[in-house]
Amino acid sequence: MIDPTHKLPISRQTKLLGLARSTAYYQPKPVAESDLALMAAMDRLHLDYPFMGSRALRDILRRTGFPGVGRRHIATLMKKMGIEVSVIATLEPCRDRMIGAS
């Protein structure tokens, strides 16, 4: 797409393509091995417990060998992996708990 060896400058090439010049120089960072292990553990847990959010996953992961993991890091990885909590909430309150229910 963008050829740094071409006689046309990179700035002109990106302008013709309608891209920001910074995209020509962007080098993606590889995912850390520790994050890969963490994401694999999160994936296994999510398959068993799809209702768990970042806080519950953090608590279980801390007990199972990831002592320094934080909730925000778990939430970031959940977004990156496309994991969403699947909870079916009931909108009607329980009649036994309602005050004045007869």
Protein backbone atom coordinates (compact mmCIF):
# COMPACT_ATOMS: atom_id res chain seq x y z
CA MET A 1 0.00 0.00 0.00
CA ILE A 2 2.57 2.57 1.13
CA ASP A 3 6.02 2.00 -0.30
CA PRO A 4 8.83 3.77 1.59
CA THR A 5 11.24 3.12 -1.31
CA HIS A 6 9.00 4.81 -3.88
CA LYS A 7 10.12 8.16 -5.32
CA LEU A 8 6.86 9.75 -4.13
CA PRO A 9 7.28 10.92 -0.51
CA ILE A 10 5.42 9.04 2.21
CA SER A 11 3.49 12.18 3.16
CA ARG A 12 2.17 12.47 -0.41
CA GLN A 13 1.33 8.75 -0.60
CA THR A 14 -0.69 8.94 2.61
CA LYS A 15 -2.45 12.09 1.45
CA LEU A 16 -3.45 10.41 -1.82
CA LEU A 17 -4.79 7.43 0.11
CA GLY A 18 -6.65 9.65 2.56
CA LEU A 19 -4.70 8.33 5.56
CA ALA A 20 -2.97 10.07 8.42
CA ARG A 21 0.79 10.12 7.99
CA SER A 22 1.26 8.41 11.36
CA THR A 23 -0.37 5.23 10.00
CA ALA A 24 2.60 4.78 7.67
CA TYR A 25 4.95 4.54 10.64
CA TYR A 26 2.76 2.56 13.06
CA GLN A 27 4.33 -0.65 14.34
CA PRO A 28 1.90 -2.80 16.37
CA LYS A 29 3.27 -4.18 19.63
CA PRO A 30 3.15 -7.95 20.14
CA VAL A 31 0.95 -9.25 22.94
CA ALA A 32 2.94 -10.15 26.06
CA GLU A 33 3.21 -13.82 27.04
CA SER A 34 1.74 -13.03 30.46
CA ASP A 35 -1.33 -11.47 28.80
CA LEU A 36 -1.72 -14.50 26.52
CA ALA A 37 -1.74 -16.81 29.54
CA LEU A 38 -4.18 -14.51 31.32
CA MET A 39 -6.49 -14.35 28.29
CA ALA A 40 -6.45 -18.16 27.98
CA ALA A 41 -7.46 -18.48 31.64
CA MET A 42 -10.15 -15.83 31.18
CA ASP A 43 -11.51 -17.65 28.15
CA ARG A 44 -11.79 -20.94 30.07
CA LEU A 45 -13.51 -19.20 32.98
CA HIS A 46 -15.89 -17.31 30.70
CA LEU A 47 -17.00 -20.55 29.03
CA ASP A 48 -17.81 -22.05 32.44
CA TYR A 49 -19.22 -18.87 34.02
CA PRO A 50 -20.56 -16.51 31.30
CA PHE A 51 -22.28 -14.35 33.92
CA MET A 52 -19.04 -13.23 35.60
CA GLY A 53 -17.86 -9.68 35.10
CA SER A 54 -14.41 -8.19 35.53
CA ARG A 55 -14.58 -8.09 39.33
CA ALA A 56 -15.57 -11.72 39.75
CA LEU A 57 -13.03 -12.85 37.15
CA ARG A 58 -10.34 -10.84 38.92
CA ASP A 59 -11.11 -12.53 42.24
CA ILE A 60 -10.96 -16.03 40.76
CA LEU A 61 -7.84 -15.30 38.73
CA ARG A 62 -6.06 -13.92 41.79
CA ARG A 63 -6.80 -17.18 43.62
CA THR A 64 -5.65 -19.34 40.71
CA GLY A 65 -2.19 -18.01 39.99
CA PHE A 66 -2.47 -14.41 38.76
CA PRO A 67 -1.84 -12.48 42.00
CA GLY A 68 -1.28 -8.96 40.67
CA VAL A 69 -4.06 -8.75 38.11
CA GLY A 70 -6.43 -5.79 38.37
CA ARG A 71 -10.06 -5.28 37.46
CA ARG A 72 -9.35 -2.65 34.81
CA HIS A 73 -6.79 -4.85 33.08
CA ILE A 74 -9.32 -7.70 33.07
CA ALA A 75 -11.96 -5.34 31.62
CA THR A 76 -9.53 -4.16 28.91
CA LEU A 77 -8.71 -7.73 27.92
CA MET A 78 -12.40 -8.63 27.95
CA LYS A 79 -13.05 -5.85 25.42
CA LYS A 80 -10.10 -6.93 23.31
CA MET A 81 -11.34 -10.55 23.33
CA GLY A 82 -14.97 -9.59 22.70
CA ILE A 83 -16.16 -11.14 25.96
CA GLU A 84 -19.41 -9.77 27.29
CA VAL A 85 -21.33 -10.75 30.39
CA SER A 86 -24.51 -12.58 29.51
CA VAL A 87 -27.06 -12.08 32.24
CA ILE A 88 -30.78 -12.28 31.81
CA ALA A 89 -32.19 -9.83 34.34
CA THR A 90 -35.74 -10.13 35.53
CA LEU A 91 -37.59 -6.86 35.66
CA GLU A 92 -40.42 -8.02 37.91
CA PRO A 93 -39.60 -8.01 41.63
CA CYS A 94 -40.18 -11.11 43.69
CA ARG A 95 -43.71 -10.90 45.14
CA ASP A 96 -42.63 -12.56 48.40
CA ARG A 97 -40.25 -9.70 49.15
CA MET A 98 -42.63 -6.86 48.34
CA ILE A 99 -43.81 -4.87 51.33
CA GLY A 100 -47.53 -5.08 51.81
CA ALA A 101 -47.96 -7.96 49.40
CA SER A 102 -50.96 -10.10 50.12
